[in-house]
Amino acid sequence: QNLYDEIDEKGEEFYFDPEKLLKKLPDYEINKLLNSDESVYFERKQTFRTDTKKKQFQNYISESALKTIVAFLNTKGGTLVIGQNDDKEITGIEEDKFKNNDDWSKYFKDKVKTHIGLTLMEKYITHKFHKIDNKTVTIINCKKLPKGDQAFLNEHDLYIRVGPASEKLSVKQALDYFSKK
């Protein structure tokens, strides 16, 4: 009814925007995100600490996600989804074997604090849980750092996003990249 009233008010100048209507549907935004292709702004990881083939916790799994976060911070910002595989199947963070979301959050914050830095966590990195088909995904949003600031992994490794990948920069590449930025 509200839509009809709006059309009556605006007459022929009314512009129909289906996206505006779709955004009102429950879970529209999250479903749109989860169906996106990986890009400069978007990446997905199946887990945050578990190698699903070996069925054990591996540091390189967390480090891969942290590289992506650093790259987002250094480039244009972006979103990392944890709990979804590359085929866009929701696998859930339950594969990381935490008792609850709070324990997952503590582990995540500890890893970010230790390997990227607490100040960046507080200002530029947020995360939120979403339940999809009885599985939990974590959406990590990273804001672009201000000009002149850089994020490092383990205080010395610098990454940026190049298409749908995070690339490590050499010292020379980093100097060139940030002098142009």
N, C-alpha and C. Protein backbone atom coordinates (compact mmCIF):
# COMPACT_ATOMS: atom_id res chain seq x y z
N GLN A 1 0.82 -1.19 0.00
CA GLN A 1 0.00 0.00 0.00
C GLN A 1 0.87 1.26 0.00
N ASN A 2 1.93 1.23 0.79
CA ASN A 2 2.83 2.39 0.84
C ASN A 2 3.44 2.68 -0.52
N LEU A 3 3.77 1.62 -1.25
CA LEU A 3 4.34 1.80 -2.58
C LEU A 3 3.33 2.47 -3.52
N TYR A 4 2.08 2.02 -3.47
CA TYR A 4 1.05 2.65 -4.30
C TYR A 4 0.86 4.12 -3.93
N ASP A 5 0.87 4.41 -2.65
CA ASP A 5 0.73 5.80 -2.21
C ASP A 5 1.89 6.65 -2.72
N GLU A 6 3.09 6.07 -2.69
CA GLU A 6 4.28 6.79 -3.17
C GLU A 6 4.17 7.06 -4.67
N ILE A 7 3.68 6.08 -5.42
CA ILE A 7 3.50 6.25 -6.87
C ILE A 7 2.49 7.36 -7.14
N ASP A 8 1.36 7.36 -6.41
CA ASP A 8 0.35 8.40 -6.57
C ASP A 8 0.92 9.78 -6.30
N GLU A 9 1.72 9.91 -5.26
CA GLU A 9 2.31 11.20 -4.89
C GLU A 9 3.27 11.71 -5.96
N LYS A 10 4.11 10.82 -6.50
CA LYS A 10 5.15 11.24 -7.43
C LYS A 10 4.67 11.31 -8.87
N GLY A 11 3.58 10.66 -9.17
CA GLY A 11 3.05 10.70 -10.54
C GLY A 11 4.03 10.11 -11.52
N GLU A 12 4.20 10.77 -12.66
CA GLU A 12 5.05 10.23 -13.72
C GLU A 12 6.53 10.34 -13.42
N GLU A 13 6.91 11.11 -12.42
CA GLU A 13 8.32 11.26 -12.10
C GLU A 13 8.85 10.15 -11.20
N PHE A 14 8.00 9.23 -10.84
CA PHE A 14 8.41 8.15 -9.95
C PHE A 14 9.43 7.24 -10.64
N TYR A 15 10.51 6.93 -9.95
CA TYR A 15 11.53 6.02 -10.45
C TYR A 15 11.46 4.73 -9.63
N PHE A 16 11.17 3.63 -10.28
CA PHE A 16 11.07 2.35 -9.60
C PHE A 16 12.46 1.76 -9.41
N ASP A 17 12.83 1.50 -8.17
CA ASP A 17 14.13 0.94 -7.84
C ASP A 17 13.91 -0.41 -7.15
N PRO A 18 13.98 -1.52 -7.90
CA PRO A 18 13.72 -2.83 -7.30
C PRO A 18 14.69 -3.17 -6.17
N GLU A 19 15.91 -2.67 -6.25
CA GLU A 19 16.90 -2.93 -5.20
C GLU A 19 16.41 -2.37 -3.86
N LYS A 20 15.76 -1.21 -3.90
CA LYS A 20 15.22 -0.60 -2.69
C LYS A 20 14.17 -1.50 -2.04
N LEU A 21 13.33 -2.12 -2.86
CA LEU A 21 12.32 -3.05 -2.34
C LEU A 21 12.97 -4.33 -1.82
N LEU A 22 13.93 -4.86 -2.57
CA LEU A 22 14.57 -6.11 -2.18
C LEU A 22 15.31 -5.99 -0.85
N LYS A 23 15.89 -4.82 -0.59
CA LYS A 23 16.61 -4.61 0.66
C LYS A 23 15.72 -4.75 1.88
N LYS A 24 14.42 -4.62 1.69
CA LYS A 24 13.48 -4.76 2.80
C LYS A 24 13.21 -6.23 3.12
N LEU A 25 13.58 -7.15 2.23
CA LEU A 25 13.38 -8.57 2.48
C LEU A 25 14.36 -9.05 3.55
N PRO A 26 13.91 -9.94 4.43
CA PRO A 26 14.82 -10.47 5.46
C PRO A 26 16.02 -11.16 4.83
N ASP A 27 17.18 -10.89 5.34
CA ASP A 27 18.44 -11.53 4.91
C ASP A 27 18.84 -11.23 3.47
N TYR A 28 18.22 -10.25 2.81
CA TYR A 28 18.57 -9.95 1.43
C TYR A 28 20.05 -9.56 1.31
N GLU A 29 20.48 -8.63 2.16
CA GLU A 29 21.87 -8.12 2.06
C GLU A 29 22.89 -9.24 2.28
N ILE A 30 22.66 -10.06 3.31
CA ILE A 30 23.62 -11.13 3.60
C ILE A 30 23.62 -12.17 2.48
N ASN A 31 22.47 -12.50 1.94
CA ASN A 31 22.42 -13.47 0.83
C ASN A 31 23.09 -12.93 -0.42
N LYS A 32 22.92 -11.63 -0.68
CA LYS A 32 23.57 -11.02 -1.82
C LYS A 32 25.10 -11.09 -1.66
N LEU A 33 25.56 -10.80 -0.45
CA LEU A 33 26.99 -10.86 -0.16
C LEU A 33 27.52 -12.29 -0.34
N LEU A 34 26.83 -13.26 0.23
CA LEU A 34 27.29 -14.64 0.19
C LEU A 34 27.27 -15.23 -1.22
N ASN A 35 26.53 -14.63 -2.13
CA ASN A 35 26.50 -15.09 -3.51
C ASN A 35 27.43 -14.29 -4.42
N SER A 36 28.18 -13.35 -3.85
CA SER A 36 29.11 -12.53 -4.63
C SER A 36 30.34 -13.35 -5.02
N ASP A 37 30.99 -12.90 -6.08
CA ASP A 37 32.26 -13.49 -6.48
C ASP A 37 33.38 -12.79 -5.73
N GLU A 38 34.47 -13.50 -5.50
CA GLU A 38 35.62 -12.89 -4.84
C GLU A 38 36.19 -11.79 -5.73
N SER A 39 36.69 -10.74 -5.06
CA SER A 39 37.17 -9.57 -5.79
C SER A 39 38.17 -8.81 -4.93
N VAL A 40 38.52 -7.62 -5.38
CA VAL A 40 39.37 -6.72 -4.61
C VAL A 40 38.74 -6.45 -3.24
N TYR A 41 37.41 -6.44 -3.17
CA TYR A 41 36.68 -6.08 -1.96
C TYR A 41 36.11 -7.26 -1.18
N PHE A 42 36.20 -8.47 -1.72
CA PHE A 42 35.51 -9.60 -1.10
C PHE A 42 36.31 -10.88 -1.19
N GLU A 43 36.35 -11.61 -0.06
CA GLU A 43 37.07 -12.88 0.02
C GLU A 43 36.29 -13.79 0.96
N ARG A 44 36.39 -15.09 0.73
CA ARG A 44 35.76 -16.05 1.64
C ARG A 44 36.79 -17.09 2.06
N LYS A 45 36.63 -17.59 3.28
CA LYS A 45 37.47 -18.66 3.83
C LYS A 45 36.55 -19.67 4.50
N GLN A 46 36.85 -20.93 4.37
CA GLN A 46 36.00 -21.96 4.94
C GLN A 46 36.08 -21.98 6.47
N THR A 47 37.28 -21.78 7.02
CA THR A 47 37.46 -21.79 8.47
C THR A 47 38.47 -20.71 8.85
N PHE A 48 38.62 -20.51 10.15
CA PHE A 48 39.62 -19.55 10.62
C PHE A 48 40.85 -20.26 11.19
N ARG A 49 40.70 -21.54 11.57
CA ARG A 49 41.87 -22.23 12.13
C ARG A 49 41.98 -23.70 11.77
N THR A 50 40.98 -24.27 11.14
CA THR A 50 40.96 -25.70 10.91
C THR A 50 41.26 -26.06 9.45
N ASP A 51 42.23 -26.94 9.27
CA ASP A 51 42.48 -27.54 7.96
C ASP A 51 41.45 -28.65 7.82
N THR A 52 40.49 -28.45 6.94
CA THR A 52 39.37 -29.39 6.84
C THR A 52 39.78 -30.74 6.24
N LYS A 53 40.87 -30.78 5.50
CA LYS A 53 41.34 -32.05 4.94
C LYS A 53 42.06 -32.88 6.02
N LYS A 54 42.89 -32.21 6.81
CA LYS A 54 43.64 -32.90 7.87
C LYS A 54 42.83 -33.02 9.16
N LYS A 55 41.71 -32.27 9.24
CA LYS A 55 40.86 -32.27 10.43
C LYS A 55 41.63 -31.88 11.70
N GLN A 56 42.49 -30.84 11.55
CA GLN A 56 43.23 -30.35 12.70
C GLN A 56 43.50 -28.86 12.56
N PHE A 57 43.78 -28.23 13.69
CA PHE A 57 44.07 -26.80 13.71
C PHE A 57 45.45 -26.57 13.12
N GLN A 58 45.53 -25.55 12.25
CA GLN A 58 46.80 -25.21 11.60
C GLN A 58 46.96 -23.70 11.60
N ASN A 59 48.14 -23.23 12.00
CA ASN A 59 48.40 -21.78 12.04
C ASN A 59 48.29 -21.14 10.66
N TYR A 60 48.67 -21.86 9.62
CA TYR A 60 48.65 -21.26 8.28
C TYR A 60 47.23 -20.90 7.83
N ILE A 61 46.22 -21.55 8.39
CA ILE A 61 44.83 -21.22 8.05
C ILE A 61 44.49 -19.83 8.58
N SER A 62 44.81 -19.58 9.85
CA SER A 62 44.57 -18.25 10.45
C SER A 62 45.40 -17.19 9.74
N GLU A 63 46.64 -17.54 9.45
CA GLU A 63 47.53 -16.57 8.80
C GLU A 63 47.00 -16.15 7.43
N SER A 64 46.40 -17.07 6.71
CA SER A 64 45.82 -16.74 5.41
C SER A 64 44.70 -15.71 5.54
N ALA A 65 43.84 -15.89 6.54
CA ALA A 65 42.76 -14.92 6.78
C ALA A 65 43.35 -13.57 7.21
N LEU A 66 44.37 -13.61 8.05
CA LEU A 66 44.99 -12.35 8.52
C LEU A 66 45.66 -11.61 7.37
N LYS A 67 46.27 -12.32 6.42
CA LYS A 67 46.86 -11.69 5.22
C LYS A 67 45.78 -10.93 4.46
N THR A 68 44.62 -11.56 4.32
CA THR A 68 43.51 -10.93 3.61
C THR A 68 43.07 -9.66 4.32
N ILE A 69 42.97 -9.71 5.63
CA ILE A 69 42.56 -8.53 6.41
C ILE A 69 43.57 -7.40 6.22
N VAL A 70 44.86 -7.71 6.31
CA VAL A 70 45.91 -6.70 6.11
C VAL A 70 45.80 -6.12 4.70
N ALA A 71 45.59 -6.98 3.72
CA ALA A 71 45.49 -6.50 2.33
C ALA A 71 44.28 -5.58 2.16
N PHE A 72 43.14 -5.92 2.74
CA PHE A 72 41.97 -5.04 2.68
C PHE A 72 42.28 -3.68 3.31
N LEU A 73 42.90 -3.70 4.47
CA LEU A 73 43.22 -2.44 5.18
C LEU A 73 44.13 -1.55 4.32
N ASN A 74 45.08 -2.17 3.63
CA ASN A 74 46.06 -1.42 2.84
C ASN A 74 45.55 -1.01 1.46
N THR A 75 44.46 -1.58 1.01
CA THR A 75 44.00 -1.30 -0.35
C THR A 75 42.74 -0.43 -0.29
N LYS A 76 41.59 -1.02 -0.45
CA LYS A 76 40.35 -0.22 -0.52
C LYS A 76 39.33 -0.64 0.53
N GLY A 77 39.76 -1.44 1.50
CA GLY A 77 38.83 -2.01 2.45
C GLY A 77 38.18 -3.23 1.83
N GLY A 78 37.39 -3.96 2.62
CA GLY A 78 36.72 -5.12 2.07
C GLY A 78 36.06 -5.97 3.12
N THR A 79 35.49 -7.06 2.66
CA THR A 79 34.74 -7.97 3.52
C THR A 79 35.28 -9.39 3.36
N LEU A 80 35.54 -10.01 4.49
CA LEU A 80 35.98 -11.40 4.54
C LEU A 80 34.89 -12.21 5.22
N VAL A 81 34.43 -13.26 4.55
CA VAL A 81 33.44 -14.17 5.13
C VAL A 81 34.17 -15.43 5.56
N ILE A 82 33.97 -15.81 6.82
CA ILE A 82 34.51 -17.05 7.34
C ILE A 82 33.33 -18.01 7.54
N GLY A 83 33.46 -19.22 7.02
CA GLY A 83 32.40 -20.21 7.16
C GLY A 83 31.71 -20.51 5.85
N GLN A 84 32.38 -20.16 4.74
CA GLN A 84 31.84 -20.42 3.42
C GLN A 84 33.01 -20.85 2.53
N ASN A 85 32.83 -21.95 1.79
CA ASN A 85 33.93 -22.40 0.93
C ASN A 85 33.91 -21.69 -0.42
N ASP A 86 34.89 -22.00 -1.25
CA ASP A 86 35.03 -21.32 -2.55
C ASP A 86 33.89 -21.63 -3.51
N ASP A 87 33.17 -22.72 -3.25
CA ASP A 87 32.01 -23.05 -4.09
C ASP A 87 30.74 -22.36 -3.59
N LYS A 88 30.90 -21.43 -2.65
CA LYS A 88 29.81 -20.64 -2.06
C LYS A 88 28.89 -21.45 -1.15
N GLU A 89 29.34 -22.65 -0.77
CA GLU A 89 28.57 -23.49 0.15
C GLU A 89 28.83 -23.01 1.58
N ILE A 90 27.76 -22.85 2.36
CA ILE A 90 27.90 -22.46 3.76
C ILE A 90 28.35 -23.69 4.54
N THR A 91 29.55 -23.62 5.10
CA THR A 91 30.09 -24.73 5.88
C THR A 91 30.01 -24.43 7.37
N GLY A 92 30.04 -23.14 7.72
CA GLY A 92 29.90 -22.72 9.12
C GLY A 92 31.21 -22.69 9.87
N ILE A 93 31.30 -21.74 10.79
CA ILE A 93 32.49 -21.64 11.65
C ILE A 93 32.51 -22.75 12.70
N GLU A 94 31.44 -23.54 12.75
CA GLU A 94 31.39 -24.67 13.68
C GLU A 94 32.54 -25.64 13.42
N GLU A 95 33.06 -25.64 12.18
CA GLU A 95 34.20 -26.50 11.84
C GLU A 95 35.46 -26.13 12.63
N ASP A 96 35.49 -24.91 13.19
CA ASP A 96 36.64 -24.49 14.00
C ASP A 96 36.58 -25.02 15.42
N LYS A 97 35.49 -25.68 15.79
CA LYS A 97 35.34 -26.39 17.07
C LYS A 97 35.47 -25.49 18.30
N PHE A 98 34.87 -24.30 18.25
CA PHE A 98 34.78 -23.46 19.45
C PHE A 98 33.48 -23.80 20.17
N LYS A 99 33.44 -23.58 21.47
CA LYS A 99 32.23 -23.87 22.25
C LYS A 99 31.08 -22.97 21.84
N ASN A 100 31.41 -21.71 21.51
CA ASN A 100 30.37 -20.74 21.18
C ASN A 100 30.98 -19.57 20.39
N ASN A 101 30.14 -18.66 19.95
CA ASN A 101 30.61 -17.51 19.16
C ASN A 101 31.54 -16.60 19.97
N ASP A 102 31.29 -16.51 21.27
CA ASP A 102 32.13 -15.68 22.12
C ASP A 102 33.57 -16.20 22.13
N ASP A 103 33.75 -17.50 22.23
CA ASP A 103 35.10 -18.07 22.18
C ASP A 103 35.75 -17.84 20.82
N TRP A 104 34.95 -17.95 19.75
CA TRP A 104 35.47 -17.67 18.41
C TRP A 104 35.95 -16.23 18.35
N SER A 105 35.15 -15.29 18.87
CA SER A 105 35.50 -13.87 18.86
C SER A 105 36.79 -13.60 19.64
N LYS A 106 36.91 -14.22 20.80
CA LYS A 106 38.13 -14.02 21.61
C LYS A 106 39.36 -14.51 20.86
N TYR A 107 39.25 -15.67 20.23
CA TYR A 107 40.37 -16.21 19.46
C TYR A 107 40.72 -15.28 18.30
N PHE A 108 39.70 -14.84 17.57
CA PHE A 108 39.89 -13.93 16.44
C PHE A 108 40.57 -12.64 16.90
N LYS A 109 40.04 -12.02 17.94
CA LYS A 109 40.62 -10.77 18.44
C LYS A 109 42.04 -10.95 18.91
N ASP A 110 42.33 -12.08 19.55
CA ASP A 110 43.69 -12.35 20.00
C ASP A 110 44.64 -12.48 18.82
N LYS A 111 44.21 -13.17 17.78
CA LYS A 111 45.05 -13.32 16.58
C LYS A 111 45.30 -11.97 15.90
N VAL A 112 44.25 -11.16 15.77
CA VAL A 112 44.41 -9.84 15.15
C VAL A 112 45.33 -8.98 16.01
N LYS A 113 45.10 -8.96 17.31
CA LYS A 113 45.92 -8.15 18.21
C LYS A 113 47.39 -8.56 18.11
N THR A 114 47.67 -9.86 18.12
CA THR A 114 49.03 -10.37 18.11
C THR A 114 49.73 -10.16 16.77
N HIS A 115 49.02 -10.36 15.67
CA HIS A 115 49.67 -10.36 14.36
C HIS A 115 49.46 -9.09 13.52
N ILE A 116 48.46 -8.29 13.86
CA ILE A 116 48.20 -7.06 13.09
C ILE A 116 48.28 -5.83 14.00
N GLY A 117 47.64 -5.89 15.16
CA GLY A 117 47.71 -4.77 16.10
C GLY A 117 46.35 -4.42 16.67
N LEU A 118 46.33 -4.16 17.96
CA LEU A 118 45.10 -3.86 18.67
C LEU A 118 44.45 -2.57 18.20
N THR A 119 45.25 -1.54 17.91
CA THR A 119 44.66 -0.26 17.50
C THR A 119 43.89 -0.39 16.20
N LEU A 120 44.37 -1.20 15.28
CA LEU A 120 43.64 -1.40 14.02
C LEU A 120 42.36 -2.18 14.27
N MET A 121 42.40 -3.12 15.21
CA MET A 121 41.20 -3.90 15.54
C MET A 121 40.11 -2.99 16.06
N GLU A 122 40.46 -2.06 16.89
CA GLU A 122 39.47 -1.18 17.51
C GLU A 122 38.87 -0.19 16.51
N LYS A 123 39.65 0.26 15.55
CA LYS A 123 39.19 1.33 14.65
C LYS A 123 38.73 0.86 13.28
N TYR A 124 39.33 -0.19 12.74
CA TYR A 124 39.13 -0.50 11.33
C TYR A 124 38.61 -1.90 11.02
N ILE A 125 38.51 -2.76 12.03
CA ILE A 125 38.09 -4.15 11.79
C ILE A 125 36.91 -4.48 12.69
N THR A 126 35.81 -4.90 12.08
CA THR A 126 34.65 -5.34 12.86
C THR A 126 34.21 -6.71 12.37
N HIS A 127 33.53 -7.43 13.24
CA HIS A 127 32.99 -8.72 12.80
C HIS A 127 31.61 -8.95 13.42
N LYS A 128 30.83 -9.74 12.69
CA LYS A 128 29.45 -10.00 13.10
C LYS A 128 29.09 -11.42 12.67
N PHE A 129 28.30 -12.09 13.49
CA PHE A 129 27.87 -13.45 13.19
C PHE A 129 26.49 -13.44 12.55
N HIS A 130 26.28 -14.37 11.61
CA HIS A 130 24.97 -14.55 10.97
C HIS A 130 24.68 -16.05 10.91
N LYS A 131 23.46 -16.40 11.22
CA LYS A 131 23.02 -17.79 11.15
C LYS A 131 22.35 -18.02 9.79
N ILE A 132 22.86 -18.96 9.03
CA ILE A 132 22.32 -19.31 7.71
C ILE A 132 22.15 -20.83 7.68
N ASP A 133 20.94 -21.29 7.48
CA ASP A 133 20.68 -22.74 7.41
C ASP A 133 21.29 -23.50 8.60
N ASN A 134 21.09 -22.98 9.80
CA ASN A 134 21.59 -23.58 11.04
C ASN A 134 23.12 -23.65 11.12
N LYS A 135 23.80 -22.87 10.31
CA LYS A 135 25.25 -22.77 10.38
C LYS A 135 25.60 -21.30 10.56
N THR A 136 26.73 -21.04 11.20
CA THR A 136 27.13 -19.67 11.49
C THR A 136 28.25 -19.23 10.57
N VAL A 137 28.09 -18.05 9.98
CA VAL A 137 29.18 -17.43 9.23
C VAL A 137 29.57 -16.15 9.97
N THR A 138 30.82 -15.79 9.84
CA THR A 138 31.31 -14.54 10.41
C THR A 138 31.64 -13.60 9.26
N ILE A 139 31.09 -12.39 9.34
CA ILE A 139 31.36 -11.37 8.34
C ILE A 139 32.34 -10.39 8.96
N ILE A 140 33.53 -10.29 8.40
CA ILE A 140 34.57 -9.38 8.90
C ILE A 140 34.68 -8.22 7.92
N ASN A 141 34.39 -7.02 8.42
CA ASN A 141 34.49 -5.82 7.58
C ASN A 141 35.75 -5.06 7.94
N CYS A 142 36.48 -4.67 6.92
CA CYS A 142 37.73 -3.93 7.10
C CYS A 142 37.61 -2.60 6.37
N LYS A 143 37.89 -1.53 7.07
CA LYS A 143 37.88 -0.21 6.46
C LYS A 143 39.26 0.09 5.88
N LYS A 144 39.29 0.83 4.82
CA LYS A 144 40.55 1.29 4.22
C LYS A 144 41.26 2.21 5.22
N LEU A 145 42.56 2.00 5.38
CA LEU A 145 43.33 2.87 6.28
C LEU A 145 43.52 4.25 5.65
N PRO A 146 43.62 5.28 6.50
CA PRO A 146 43.86 6.63 5.97
C PRO A 146 45.21 6.71 5.24
N LYS A 147 45.30 7.66 4.35
CA LYS A 147 46.53 7.88 3.59
C LYS A 147 47.70 8.05 4.56
N GLY A 148 48.78 7.37 4.25
CA GLY A 148 49.98 7.46 5.09
C GLY A 148 50.06 6.35 6.14
N ASP A 149 48.98 5.63 6.37
CA ASP A 149 48.99 4.51 7.32
C ASP A 149 49.07 3.20 6.56
N GLN A 150 49.75 2.22 7.13
CA GLN A 150 49.83 0.89 6.56
C GLN A 150 49.61 -0.14 7.65
N ALA A 151 49.11 -1.29 7.25
CA ALA A 151 48.96 -2.43 8.16
C ALA A 151 49.99 -3.47 7.75
N PHE A 152 50.56 -4.12 8.75
CA PHE A 152 51.56 -5.16 8.51
C PHE A 152 51.12 -6.44 9.20
N LEU A 153 51.49 -7.56 8.62
CA LEU A 153 51.30 -8.83 9.28
C LEU A 153 52.61 -9.17 9.98
N ASN A 154 52.55 -9.41 11.28
CA ASN A 154 53.73 -9.74 12.09
C ASN A 154 54.80 -8.65 12.02
N GLU A 155 54.37 -7.41 11.94
CA GLU A 155 55.20 -6.20 11.98
C GLU A 155 56.11 -5.98 10.78
N HIS A 156 56.12 -6.89 9.81
CA HIS A 156 57.04 -6.66 8.68
C HIS A 156 56.49 -7.06 7.31
N ASP A 157 55.45 -7.88 7.24
CA ASP A 157 54.93 -8.30 5.94
C ASP A 157 53.77 -7.40 5.52
N LEU A 158 53.88 -6.86 4.32
CA LEU A 158 52.89 -5.93 3.81
C LEU A 158 52.16 -6.56 2.64
N TYR A 159 50.82 -6.54 2.70
CA TYR A 159 49.99 -7.14 1.65
C TYR A 159 49.01 -6.11 1.11
N ILE A 160 48.67 -6.27 -0.17
CA ILE A 160 47.60 -5.47 -0.79
C ILE A 160 46.72 -6.44 -1.58
N ARG A 161 45.53 -5.96 -1.95
CA ARG A 161 44.64 -6.76 -2.80
C ARG A 161 44.95 -6.45 -4.26
N VAL A 162 45.10 -7.50 -5.04
CA VAL A 162 45.25 -7.40 -6.48
C VAL A 162 44.20 -8.34 -7.06
N GLY A 163 43.11 -7.76 -7.53
CA GLY A 163 41.98 -8.59 -7.96
C GLY A 163 41.46 -9.38 -6.77
N PRO A 164 41.18 -10.67 -6.97
CA PRO A 164 40.64 -11.47 -5.87
C PRO A 164 41.72 -12.16 -5.02
N ALA A 165 42.92 -11.59 -4.99
CA ALA A 165 44.02 -12.21 -4.24
C ALA A 165 44.75 -11.18 -3.39
N SER A 166 45.39 -11.67 -2.34
CA SER A 166 46.24 -10.84 -1.49
C SER A 166 47.68 -11.10 -1.88
N GLU A 167 48.40 -10.04 -2.20
CA GLU A 167 49.77 -10.17 -2.68
C GLU A 167 50.74 -9.50 -1.70
N LYS A 168 51.82 -10.20 -1.39
CA LYS A 168 52.86 -9.65 -0.52
C LYS A 168 53.75 -8.73 -1.36
N LEU A 169 54.07 -7.56 -0.81
CA LEU A 169 54.92 -6.60 -1.52
C LEU A 169 56.34 -6.65 -0.99
N SER A 170 57.29 -6.52 -1.89
CA SER A 170 58.69 -6.35 -1.49
C SER A 170 58.84 -4.92 -0.96
N VAL A 171 59.98 -4.62 -0.39
CA VAL A 171 60.20 -3.26 0.13
C VAL A 171 60.09 -2.25 -1.01
N LYS A 172 60.70 -2.53 -2.14
CA LYS A 172 60.65 -1.61 -3.27
C LYS A 172 59.21 -1.45 -3.76
N GLN A 173 58.49 -2.55 -3.92
CA GLN A 173 57.09 -2.48 -4.36
C GLN A 173 56.25 -1.66 -3.38
N ALA A 174 56.49 -1.86 -2.10
CA ALA A 174 55.73 -1.13 -1.07
C ALA A 174 56.01 0.37 -1.16
N LEU A 175 57.27 0.74 -1.32
CA LEU A 175 57.62 2.17 -1.44
C LEU A 175 56.95 2.77 -2.68
N ASP A 176 56.99 2.07 -3.79
CA ASP A 176 56.35 2.55 -5.01
C ASP A 176 54.84 2.66 -4.83
N TYR A 177 54.24 1.62 -4.27
CA TYR A 177 52.77 1.58 -4.11
C TYR A 177 52.28 2.72 -3.22
N PHE A 178 52.92 2.91 -2.07
CA PHE A 178 52.42 3.90 -1.14
C PHE A 178 52.83 5.33 -1.51
N SER A 179 53.88 5.49 -2.34
CA SER A 179 54.21 6.84 -2.77
C SER A 179 53.19 7.30 -3.82
N LYS A 180 52.63 6.36 -4.59
CA LYS A 180 51.60 6.70 -5.58
C LYS A 180 50.24 6.87 -4.93
N LYS A 181 50.00 6.17 -3.84
CA LYS A 181 48.72 6.20 -3.15
C LYS A 181 48.52 7.57 -2.54
